[in-house]
Amino acid sequence: MATFSVSDPRAQWVAWGSLVAAEMALAGGVLAASATAAYLAAGMLALFALVLVGVILQGRTGAPCACFGARSVVGWWAVVRNLTLAAAFAALALLA
């Protein structure tokens, strides 16, 4: 979370826990075929992509992000991956 300007250890845990909880809730909703959850997941991933672009523009390309595992880093590939997943969730919502 330090890559994203969250430097206080307690704030890092709160931010991390909140993100995990939100992702798990949305995953449950998507598994239950909720179009709303799929749209919200698409929005969250688009927001993640936007945040990554901001971090890249601040010159932090290559910094750890743990977005998709411990070895994941900030970069344009991460932005593309998030936008692709956002589009997939939006498409999934249309099928629901």
PDB file of N, CA and C in Angstrom:
ATOM      1  N   MET A   1       0.817  -1.201   0.000  1.00  0.00           N
ATOM      2  CA  MET A   1       0.000   0.000   0.000  1.00  0.00           C
ATOM      3  C   MET A   1       0.855   1.258   0.000  1.00  0.00           C
ATOM      4  N   ALA A   2       2.131   1.132   0.354  1.00  0.00           N
ATOM      5  CA  ALA A   2       3.012   2.302   0.344  1.00  0.00           C
ATOM      6  C   ALA A   2       3.160   2.854  -1.069  1.00  0.00           C
ATOM      7  N   THR A   3       3.088   1.992  -2.066  1.00  0.00           N
ATOM      8  CA  THR A   3       3.160   2.446  -3.457  1.00  0.00           C
ATOM      9  C   THR A   3       2.050   3.431  -3.768  1.00  0.00           C
ATOM     10  N   PHE A   4       0.934   3.283  -3.084  1.00  0.00           N
ATOM     11  CA  PHE A   4      -0.234   4.120  -3.323  1.00  0.00           C
ATOM     12  C   PHE A   4      -0.388   5.217  -2.281  1.00  0.00           C
ATOM     13  N   SER A   5       0.725   5.600  -1.665  1.00  0.00           N
ATOM     14  CA  SER A   5       0.808   6.717  -0.703  1.00  0.00           C
ATOM     15  C   SER A   5       0.085   6.443   0.608  1.00  0.00           C
ATOM     16  N   VAL A   6      -0.067   5.178   0.967  1.00  0.00           N
ATOM     17  CA  VAL A   6      -0.603   4.827   2.278  1.00  0.00           C
ATOM     18  C   VAL A   6       0.589   4.322   3.081  1.00  0.00           C
ATOM     19  N   SER A   7       1.154   5.201   3.920  1.00  0.00           N
ATOM     20  CA  SER A   7       2.413   4.866   4.581  1.00  0.00           C
ATOM     21  C   SER A   7       2.254   4.385   6.020  1.00  0.00           C
ATOM     22  N   ASP A   8       1.193   4.795   6.691  1.00  0.00           N
ATOM     23  CA  ASP A   8       0.986   4.370   8.076  1.00  0.00           C
ATOM     24  C   ASP A   8       0.611   2.887   8.104  1.00  0.00           C
ATOM     25  N   PRO A   9       1.322   2.081   8.896  1.00  0.00           N
ATOM     26  CA  PRO A   9       1.039   0.632   8.923  1.00  0.00           C
ATOM     27  C   PRO A   9      -0.412   0.294   9.261  1.00  0.00           C
ATOM     28  N   ARG A  10      -0.996   1.015  10.189  1.00  0.00           N
ATOM     29  CA  ARG A  10      -2.400   0.729  10.530  1.00  0.00           C
ATOM     30  C   ARG A  10      -3.313   1.067   9.369  1.00  0.00           C
ATOM     31  N   ALA A  11      -3.068   2.194   8.730  1.00  0.00           N
ATOM     32  CA  ALA A  11      -3.876   2.588   7.577  1.00  0.00           C
ATOM     33  C   ALA A  11      -3.700   1.598   6.431  1.00  0.00           C
ATOM     34  N   GLN A  12      -2.496   1.048   6.294  1.00  0.00           N
ATOM     35  CA  GLN A  12      -2.259   0.051   5.258  1.00  0.00           C
ATOM     36  C   GLN A  12      -3.118  -1.184   5.494  1.00  0.00           C
ATOM     37  N   TRP A  13      -3.176  -1.639   6.751  1.00  0.00           N
ATOM     38  CA  TRP A  13      -3.984  -2.814   7.071  1.00  0.00           C
ATOM     39  C   TRP A  13      -5.466  -2.540   6.856  1.00  0.00           C
ATOM     40  N   VAL A  14      -5.913  -1.348   7.243  1.00  0.00           N
ATOM     41  CA  VAL A  14      -7.328  -0.998   7.049  1.00  0.00           C
ATOM     42  C   VAL A  14      -7.654  -0.936   5.561  1.00  0.00           C
ATOM     43  N   ALA A  15      -6.801  -0.293   4.787  1.00  0.00           N
ATOM     44  CA  ALA A  15      -7.029  -0.188   3.341  1.00  0.00           C
ATOM     45  C   ALA A  15      -7.014  -1.565   2.697  1.00  0.00           C
ATOM     46  N   TRP A  16      -6.014  -2.366   3.046  1.00  0.00           N
ATOM     47  CA  TRP A  16      -5.906  -3.711   2.484  1.00  0.00           C
ATOM     48  C   TRP A  16      -7.135  -4.547   2.854  1.00  0.00           C
ATOM     49  N   GLY A  17      -7.505  -4.530   4.124  1.00  0.00           N
ATOM     50  CA  GLY A  17      -8.663  -5.302   4.580  1.00  0.00           C
ATOM     51  C   GLY A  17      -9.952  -4.848   3.916  1.00  0.00           C
ATOM     52  N   SER A  18     -10.092  -3.551   3.751  1.00  0.00           N
ATOM     53  CA  SER A  18     -11.292  -3.020   3.095  1.00  0.00           C
ATOM     54  C   SER A  18     -11.372  -3.454   1.638  1.00  0.00           C
ATOM     55  N   LEU A  19     -10.241  -3.401   0.959  1.00  0.00           N
ATOM     56  CA  LEU A  19     -10.222  -3.836  -0.437  1.00  0.00           C
ATOM     57  C   LEU A  19     -10.535  -5.319  -0.566  1.00  0.00           C
ATOM     58  N   VAL A  20      -9.947  -6.117   0.293  1.00  0.00           N
ATOM     59  CA  VAL A  20     -10.207  -7.558   0.257  1.00  0.00           C
ATOM     60  C   VAL A  20     -11.683  -7.835   0.540  1.00  0.00           C
ATOM     61  N   ALA A  21     -12.248  -7.162   1.527  1.00  0.00           N
ATOM     62  CA  ALA A  21     -13.661  -7.365   1.866  1.00  0.00           C
ATOM     63  C   ALA A  21     -14.564  -6.958   0.701  1.00  0.00           C
ATOM     64  N   ALA A  22     -14.265  -5.825   0.085  1.00  0.00           N
ATOM     65  CA  ALA A  22     -15.072  -5.367  -1.048  1.00  0.00           C
ATOM     66  C   ALA A  22     -14.959  -6.342  -2.219  1.00  0.00           C
ATOM     67  N   GLU A  23     -13.754  -6.807  -2.490  1.00  0.00           N
ATOM     68  CA  GLU A  23     -13.564  -7.755  -3.583  1.00  0.00           C
ATOM     69  C   GLU A  23     -14.288  -9.066  -3.317  1.00  0.00           C
ATOM     70  N   MET A  24     -14.238  -9.538  -2.080  1.00  0.00           N
ATOM     71  CA  MET A  24     -14.926 -10.788  -1.732  1.00  0.00           C
ATOM     72  C   MET A  24     -16.444 -10.624  -1.843  1.00  0.00           C
ATOM     73  N   ALA A  25     -16.957  -9.500  -1.388  1.00  0.00           N
ATOM     74  CA  ALA A  25     -18.395  -9.249  -1.483  1.00  0.00           C
ATOM     75  C   ALA A  25     -18.838  -9.198  -2.947  1.00  0.00           C
ATOM     76  N   LEU A  26     -18.062  -8.512  -3.771  1.00  0.00           N
ATOM     77  CA  LEU A  26     -18.404  -8.444  -5.192  1.00  0.00           C
ATOM     78  C   LEU A  26     -18.283  -9.806  -5.864  1.00  0.00           C
ATOM     79  N   ALA A  27     -17.269 -10.578  -5.487  1.00  0.00           N
ATOM     80  CA  ALA A  27     -17.122 -11.923  -6.042  1.00  0.00           C
ATOM     81  C   ALA A  27     -18.342 -12.776  -5.707  1.00  0.00           C
ATOM     82  N   GLY A  28     -18.803 -12.682  -4.475  1.00  0.00           N
ATOM     83  CA  GLY A  28     -20.000 -13.419  -4.081  1.00  0.00           C
ATOM     84  C   GLY A  28     -21.213 -12.990  -4.885  1.00  0.00           C
ATOM     85  N   GLY A  29     -21.336 -11.688  -5.084  1.00  0.00           N
ATOM     86  CA  GLY A  29     -22.449 -11.182  -5.884  1.00  0.00           C
ATOM     87  C   GLY A  29     -22.378 -11.634  -7.325  1.00  0.00           C
ATOM     88  N   VAL A  30     -21.193 -11.624  -7.888  1.00  0.00           N
ATOM     89  CA  VAL A  30     -21.030 -12.076  -9.275  1.00  0.00           C
ATOM     90  C   VAL A  30     -21.341 -13.567  -9.382  1.00  0.00           C
ATOM     91  N   LEU A  31     -20.867 -14.350  -8.414  1.00  0.00           N
ATOM     92  CA  LEU A  31     -21.177 -15.781  -8.412  1.00  0.00           C
ATOM     93  C   LEU A  31     -22.672 -16.048  -8.282  1.00  0.00           C
ATOM     94  N   ALA A  32     -23.370 -15.124  -7.627  1.00  0.00           N
ATOM     95  CA  ALA A  32     -24.822 -15.254  -7.484  1.00  0.00           C
ATOM     96  C   ALA A  32     -25.563 -14.671  -8.685  1.00  0.00           C
ATOM     97  N   ALA A  33     -24.819 -14.313  -9.734  1.00  0.00           N
ATOM     98  CA  ALA A  33     -25.372 -13.792 -10.989  1.00  0.00           C
ATOM     99  C   ALA A  33     -26.033 -12.426 -10.827  1.00  0.00           C
ATOM    100  N   SER A  34     -25.506 -11.609  -9.948  1.00  0.00           N
ATOM    101  CA  SER A  34     -26.031 -10.257  -9.765  1.00  0.00           C
ATOM    102  C   SER A  34     -25.398  -9.314 -10.786  1.00  0.00           C
ATOM    103  N   ALA A  35     -26.232  -8.736 -11.629  1.00  0.00           N
ATOM    104  CA  ALA A  35     -25.742  -7.766 -12.616  1.00  0.00           C
ATOM    105  C   ALA A  35     -25.173  -6.539 -11.896  1.00  0.00           C
ATOM    106  N   THR A  36     -25.785  -6.153 -10.799  1.00  0.00           N
ATOM    107  CA  THR A  36     -25.293  -5.001 -10.036  1.00  0.00           C
ATOM    108  C   THR A  36     -23.880  -5.256  -9.534  1.00  0.00           C
ATOM    109  N   ALA A  37     -23.641  -6.445  -8.988  1.00  0.00           N
ATOM    110  CA  ALA A  37     -22.300  -6.781  -8.499  1.00  0.00           C
ATOM    111  C   ALA A  37     -21.297  -6.787  -9.649  1.00  0.00           C
ATOM    112  N   ALA A  38     -21.694  -7.285 -10.808  1.00  0.00           N
ATOM    113  CA  ALA A  38     -20.791  -7.307 -11.956  1.00  0.00           C
ATOM    114  C   ALA A  38     -20.454  -5.889 -12.404  1.00  0.00           C
ATOM    115  N   TYR A  39     -21.452  -5.011 -12.437  1.00  0.00           N
ATOM    116  CA  TYR A  39     -21.191  -3.610 -12.794  1.00  0.00           C
ATOM    117  C   TYR A  39     -20.294  -2.942 -11.758  1.00  0.00           C
ATOM    118  N   LEU A  40     -20.538  -3.216 -10.479  1.00  0.00           N
ATOM    119  CA  LEU A  40     -19.694  -2.640  -9.429  1.00  0.00           C
ATOM    120  C   LEU A  40     -18.264  -3.172  -9.513  1.00  0.00           C
ATOM    121  N   ALA A  41     -18.113  -4.451  -9.833  1.00  0.00           N
ATOM    122  CA  ALA A  41     -16.772  -5.026 -10.009  1.00  0.00           C
ATOM    123  C   ALA A  41     -16.073  -4.359 -11.192  1.00  0.00           C
ATOM    124  N   ALA A  42     -16.811  -4.130 -12.267  1.00  0.00           N
ATOM    125  CA  ALA A  42     -16.244  -3.444 -13.431  1.00  0.00           C
ATOM    126  C   ALA A  42     -15.799  -2.033 -13.044  1.00  0.00           C
ATOM    127  N   GLY A  43     -16.625  -1.348 -12.287  1.00  0.00           N
ATOM    128  CA  GLY A  43     -16.265  -0.002 -11.837  1.00  0.00           C
ATOM    129  C   GLY A  43     -15.052   0.005 -10.932  1.00  0.00           C
ATOM    130  N   MET A  44     -14.969  -0.979 -10.042  1.00  0.00           N
ATOM    131  CA  MET A  44     -13.824  -1.052  -9.140  1.00  0.00           C
ATOM    132  C   MET A  44     -12.541  -1.296  -9.916  1.00  0.00           C
ATOM    133  N   LEU A  45     -12.581  -2.195 -10.879  1.00  0.00           N
ATOM    134  CA  LEU A  45     -11.390  -2.480 -11.675  1.00  0.00           C
ATOM    135  C   LEU A  45     -10.998  -1.291 -12.547  1.00  0.00           C
ATOM    136  N   ALA A  46     -11.979  -0.560 -13.057  1.00  0.00           N
ATOM    137  CA  ALA A  46     -11.674   0.656 -13.823  1.00  0.00           C
ATOM    138  C   ALA A  46     -11.032   1.697 -12.907  1.00  0.00           C
ATOM    139  N   LEU A  47     -11.521   1.786 -11.682  1.00  0.00           N
ATOM    140  CA  LEU A  47     -10.921   2.702 -10.708  1.00  0.00           C
ATOM    141  C   LEU A  47      -9.486   2.283 -10.383  1.00  0.00           C
ATOM    142  N   PHE A  48      -9.255   0.988 -10.217  1.00  0.00           N
ATOM    143  CA  PHE A  48      -7.903   0.491  -9.981  1.00  0.00           C
ATOM    144  C   PHE A  48      -6.983   0.887 -11.146  1.00  0.00           C
ATOM    145  N   ALA A  49      -7.484   0.762 -12.368  1.00  0.00           N
ATOM    146  CA  ALA A  49      -6.686   1.142 -13.538  1.00  0.00           C
ATOM    147  C   ALA A  49      -6.350   2.627 -13.495  1.00  0.00           C
ATOM    148  N   LEU A  50      -7.319   3.448 -13.129  1.00  0.00           N
ATOM    149  CA  LEU A  50      -7.089   4.886 -13.030  1.00  0.00           C
ATOM    150  C   LEU A  50      -6.052   5.218 -11.966  1.00  0.00           C
ATOM    151  N   VAL A  51      -6.128   4.548 -10.836  1.00  0.00           N
ATOM    152  CA  VAL A  51      -5.143   4.755  -9.772  1.00  0.00           C
ATOM    153  C   VAL A  51      -3.753   4.339 -10.250  1.00  0.00           C
ATOM    154  N   LEU A  52      -3.677   3.233 -10.952  1.00  0.00           N
ATOM    155  CA  LEU A  52      -2.387   2.791 -11.487  1.00  0.00           C
ATOM    156  C   LEU A  52      -1.803   3.805 -12.467  1.00  0.00           C
ATOM    157  N   VAL A  53      -2.648   4.387 -13.320  1.00  0.00           N
ATOM    158  CA  VAL A  53      -2.168   5.419 -14.242  1.00  0.00           C
ATOM    159  C   VAL A  53      -1.597   6.597 -13.457  1.00  0.00           C
ATOM    160  N   GLY A  54      -2.284   6.991 -12.392  1.00  0.00           N
ATOM    161  CA  GLY A  54      -1.778   8.084 -11.552  1.00  0.00           C
ATOM    162  C   GLY A  54      -0.422   7.764 -10.957  1.00  0.00           C
ATOM    163  N   VAL A  55      -0.248   6.548 -10.489  1.00  0.00           N
ATOM    164  CA  VAL A  55       1.031   6.129  -9.901  1.00  0.00           C
ATOM    165  C   VAL A  55       2.117   6.100 -10.978  1.00  0.00           C
ATOM    166  N   ILE A  56       1.774   5.629 -12.169  1.00  0.00           N
ATOM    167  CA  ILE A  56       2.741   5.615 -13.281  1.00  0.00           C
ATOM    168  C   ILE A  56       3.170   7.038 -13.616  1.00  0.00           C
ATOM    169  N   LEU A  57       2.207   7.954 -13.685  1.00  0.00           N
ATOM    170  CA  LEU A  57       2.519   9.347 -14.012  1.00  0.00           C
ATOM    171  C   LEU A  57       3.355  10.025 -12.925  1.00  0.00           C
ATOM    172  N   GLN A  58       3.341   9.466 -11.723  1.00  0.00           N
ATOM    173  CA  GLN A  58       4.186   9.982 -10.640  1.00  0.00           C
ATOM    174  C   GLN A  58       5.584   9.375 -10.684  1.00  0.00           C
ATOM    175  N   GLY A  59       5.838   8.540 -11.681  1.00  0.00           N
ATOM    176  CA  GLY A  59       7.165   7.969 -11.846  1.00  0.00           C
ATOM    177  C   GLY A  59       7.436   6.714 -11.040  1.00  0.00           C
ATOM    178  N   ARG A  60       6.390   6.012 -10.633  1.00  0.00           N
ATOM    179  CA  ARG A  60       6.590   4.825  -9.806  1.00  0.00           C
ATOM    180  C   ARG A  60       6.402   3.513 -10.568  1.00  0.00           C
ATOM    181  N   THR A  61       6.626   3.539 -11.866  1.00  0.00           N
ATOM    182  CA  THR A  61       6.544   2.306 -12.653  1.00  0.00           C
ATOM    183  C   THR A  61       7.561   1.304 -12.104  1.00  0.00           C
ATOM    184  N   GLY A  62       7.116   0.069 -11.960  1.00  0.00           N
ATOM    185  CA  GLY A  62       7.987  -0.980 -11.430  1.00  0.00           C
ATOM    186  C   GLY A  62       7.880  -1.168  -9.934  1.00  0.00           C
ATOM    187  N   ALA A  63       7.180  -0.260  -9.252  1.00  0.00           N
ATOM    188  CA  ALA A  63       6.990  -0.401  -7.804  1.00  0.00           C
ATOM    189  C   ALA A  63       6.052  -1.580  -7.532  1.00  0.00           C
ATOM    190  N   PRO A  64       6.216  -2.239  -6.399  1.00  0.00           N
ATOM    191  CA  PRO A  64       5.330  -3.363  -6.087  1.00  0.00           C
ATOM    192  C   PRO A  64       3.891  -2.894  -5.881  1.00  0.00           C
ATOM    193  N   CYS A  65       2.954  -3.667  -6.408  1.00  0.00           N
ATOM    194  CA  CYS A  65       1.554  -3.302  -6.168  1.00  0.00           C
ATOM    195  C   CYS A  65       0.758  -4.459  -5.588  1.00  0.00           C
ATOM    196  N   ALA A  66       1.224  -5.676  -5.739  1.00  0.00           N
ATOM    197  CA  ALA A  66       0.533  -6.866  -5.226  1.00  0.00           C
ATOM    198  C   ALA A  66      -0.902  -6.967  -5.728  1.00  0.00           C
ATOM    199  N   CYS A  67      -1.165  -6.355  -6.868  1.00  0.00           N
ATOM    200  CA  CYS A  67      -2.510  -6.383  -7.438  1.00  0.00           C
ATOM    201  C   CYS A  67      -2.933  -7.802  -7.832  1.00  0.00           C
ATOM    202  N   PHE A  68      -2.000  -8.552  -8.382  1.00  0.00           N
ATOM    203  CA  PHE A  68      -2.284  -9.914  -8.802  1.00  0.00           C
ATOM    204  C   PHE A  68      -1.203 -10.842  -8.293  1.00  0.00           C
ATOM    205  N   GLY A  69      -0.918 -10.766  -7.021  1.00  0.00           N
ATOM    206  CA  GLY A  69       0.099 -11.610  -6.412  1.00  0.00           C
ATOM    207  C   GLY A  69       1.294 -10.813  -5.931  1.00  0.00           C
ATOM    208  N   ALA A  70       2.131 -11.464  -5.194  1.00  0.00           N
ATOM    209  CA  ALA A  70       3.256 -10.801  -4.540  1.00  0.00           C
ATOM    210  C   ALA A  70       4.278 -10.239  -5.515  1.00  0.00           C
ATOM    211  N   ARG A  71       4.362 -10.801  -6.719  1.00  0.00           N
ATOM    212  CA  ARG A  71       5.366 -10.333  -7.680  1.00  0.00           C
ATOM    213  C   ARG A  71       4.829  -9.280  -8.647  1.00  0.00           C
ATOM    214  N   SER A  72       3.594  -8.878  -8.479  1.00  0.00           N
ATOM    215  CA  SER A  72       2.971  -7.904  -9.369  1.00  0.00           C
ATOM    216  C   SER A  72       3.554  -6.512  -9.152  1.00  0.00           C
ATOM    217  N   VAL A  73       3.753  -5.789 -10.248  1.00  0.00           N
ATOM    218  CA  VAL A  73       4.322  -4.442 -10.172  1.00  0.00           C
ATOM    219  C   VAL A  73       3.456  -3.454 -10.946  1.00  0.00           C
ATOM    220  N   VAL A  74       3.640  -2.179 -10.627  1.00  0.00           N
ATOM    221  CA  VAL A  74       2.945  -1.106 -11.317  1.00  0.00           C
ATOM    222  C   VAL A  74       3.519  -0.978 -12.725  1.00  0.00           C
ATOM    223  N   GLY A  75       2.657  -0.900 -13.691  1.00  0.00           N
ATOM    224  CA  GLY A  75       3.081  -0.722 -15.076  1.00  0.00           C
ATOM    225  C   GLY A  75       1.874  -0.693 -15.989  1.00  0.00           C
ATOM    226  N   TRP A  76       2.137  -0.428 -17.252  1.00  0.00           N
ATOM    227  CA  TRP A  76       1.037  -0.341 -18.215  1.00  0.00           C
ATOM    228  C   TRP A  76       0.336  -1.673 -18.397  1.00  0.00           C
ATOM    229  N   TRP A  77       1.066  -2.776 -18.257  1.00  0.00           N
ATOM    230  CA  TRP A  77       0.429  -4.089 -18.358  1.00  0.00           C
ATOM    231  C   TRP A  77      -0.631  -4.245 -17.267  1.00  0.00           C
ATOM    232  N   ALA A  78      -0.367  -3.753 -16.085  1.00  0.00           N
ATOM    233  CA  ALA A  78      -1.350  -3.834 -14.995  1.00  0.00           C
ATOM    234  C   ALA A  78      -2.588  -3.001 -15.320  1.00  0.00           C
ATOM    235  N   VAL A  79      -2.388  -1.863 -15.965  1.00  0.00           N
ATOM    236  CA  VAL A  79      -3.524  -1.017 -16.373  1.00  0.00           C
ATOM    237  C   VAL A  79      -4.370  -1.767 -17.401  1.00  0.00           C
ATOM    238  N   VAL A  80      -3.725  -2.336 -18.405  1.00  0.00           N
ATOM    239  CA  VAL A  80      -4.435  -3.091 -19.449  1.00  0.00           C
ATOM    240  C   VAL A  80      -5.188  -4.264 -18.840  1.00  0.00           C
ATOM    241  N   ARG A  81      -4.548  -4.968 -17.931  1.00  0.00           N
ATOM    242  CA  ARG A  81      -5.178  -6.122 -17.282  1.00  0.00           C
ATOM    243  C   ARG A  81      -6.436  -5.695 -16.526  1.00  0.00           C
ATOM    244  N   ASN A  82      -6.360  -4.592 -15.780  1.00  0.00           N
ATOM    245  CA  ASN A  82      -7.522  -4.117 -15.036  1.00  0.00           C
ATOM    246  C   ASN A  82      -8.639  -3.658 -15.961  1.00  0.00           C
ATOM    247  N   LEU A  83      -8.292  -2.965 -17.043  1.00  0.00           N
ATOM    248  CA  LEU A  83      -9.318  -2.516 -17.987  1.00  0.00           C
ATOM    249  C   LEU A  83      -9.953  -3.690 -18.720  1.00  0.00           C
ATOM    250  N   THR A  84      -9.169  -4.718 -19.032  1.00  0.00           N
ATOM    251  CA  THR A  84      -9.711  -5.913 -19.679  1.00  0.00           C
ATOM    252  C   THR A  84     -10.684  -6.627 -18.744  1.00  0.00           C
ATOM    253  N   LEU A  85     -10.291  -6.761 -17.491  1.00  0.00           N
ATOM    254  CA  LEU A  85     -11.187  -7.403 -16.520  1.00  0.00           C
ATOM    255  C   LEU A  85     -12.439  -6.558 -16.280  1.00  0.00           C
ATOM    256  N   ALA A  86     -12.294  -5.241 -16.275  1.00  0.00           N
ATOM    257  CA  ALA A  86     -13.458  -4.360 -16.114  1.00  0.00           C
ATOM    258  C   ALA A  86     -14.430  -4.571 -17.271  1.00  0.00           C
ATOM    259  N   ALA A  87     -13.908  -4.644 -18.480  1.00  0.00           N
ATOM    260  CA  ALA A  87     -14.764  -4.877 -19.647  1.00  0.00           C
ATOM    261  C   ALA A  87     -15.433  -6.242 -19.556  1.00  0.00           C
ATOM    262  N   ALA A  88     -14.709  -7.243 -19.084  1.00  0.00           N
ATOM    263  CA  ALA A  88     -15.293  -8.585 -18.963  1.00  0.00           C
ATOM    264  C   ALA A  88     -16.425  -8.593 -17.944  1.00  0.00           C
ATOM    265  N   PHE A  89     -16.250  -7.915 -16.826  1.00  0.00           N
ATOM    266  CA  PHE A  89     -17.323  -7.859 -15.827  1.00  0.00           C
ATOM    267  C   PHE A  89     -18.519  -7.073 -16.346  1.00  0.00           C
ATOM    268  N   ALA A  90     -18.272  -6.000 -17.095  1.00  0.00           N
ATOM    269  CA  ALA A  90     -19.382  -5.244 -17.680  1.00  0.00           C
ATOM    270  C   ALA A  90     -20.150  -6.109 -18.676  1.00  0.00           C
ATOM    271  N   ALA A  91     -19.424  -6.879 -19.479  1.00  0.00           N
ATOM    272  CA  ALA A  91     -20.073  -7.790 -20.424  1.00  0.00           C
ATOM    273  C   ALA A  91     -20.857  -8.872 -19.694  1.00  0.00           C
ATOM    274  N   LEU A  92     -20.279  -9.362 -18.621  1.00  0.00           N
ATOM    275  CA  LEU A  92     -20.958 -10.383 -17.816  1.00  0.00           C
ATOM    276  C   LEU A  92     -22.262  -9.842 -17.246  1.00  0.00           C
ATOM    277  N   ALA A  93     -22.263  -8.588 -16.850  1.00  0.00           N
ATOM    278  CA  ALA A  93     -23.483  -7.971 -16.311  1.00  0.00           C
ATOM    279  C   ALA A  93     -24.568  -7.937 -17.361  1.00  0.00           C
ATOM    280  N   LEU A  94     -24.192  -7.733 -18.610  1.00  0.00           N
ATOM    281  CA  LEU A  94     -25.182  -7.703 -19.681  1.00  0.00           C
ATOM    282  C   LEU A  94     -25.788  -9.074 -19.944  1.00  0.00           C
ATOM    283  N   LEU A  95     -25.040 -10.123 -19.598  1.00  0.00           N
ATOM    284  CA  LEU A  95     -25.537 -11.489 -19.796  1.00  0.00           C
ATOM    285  C   LEU A  95     -26.422 -11.965 -18.651  1.00  0.00           C
ATOM    286  N   ALA A  96     -26.305 -11.285 -17.504  1.00  0.00           N
ATOM    287  CA  ALA A  96     -27.008 -11.756 -16.299  1.00  0.00           C
ATOM    288  C   ALA A  96     -28.512 -11.725 -16.453  1.00  0.00           C
TER     289      ALA A  96
END
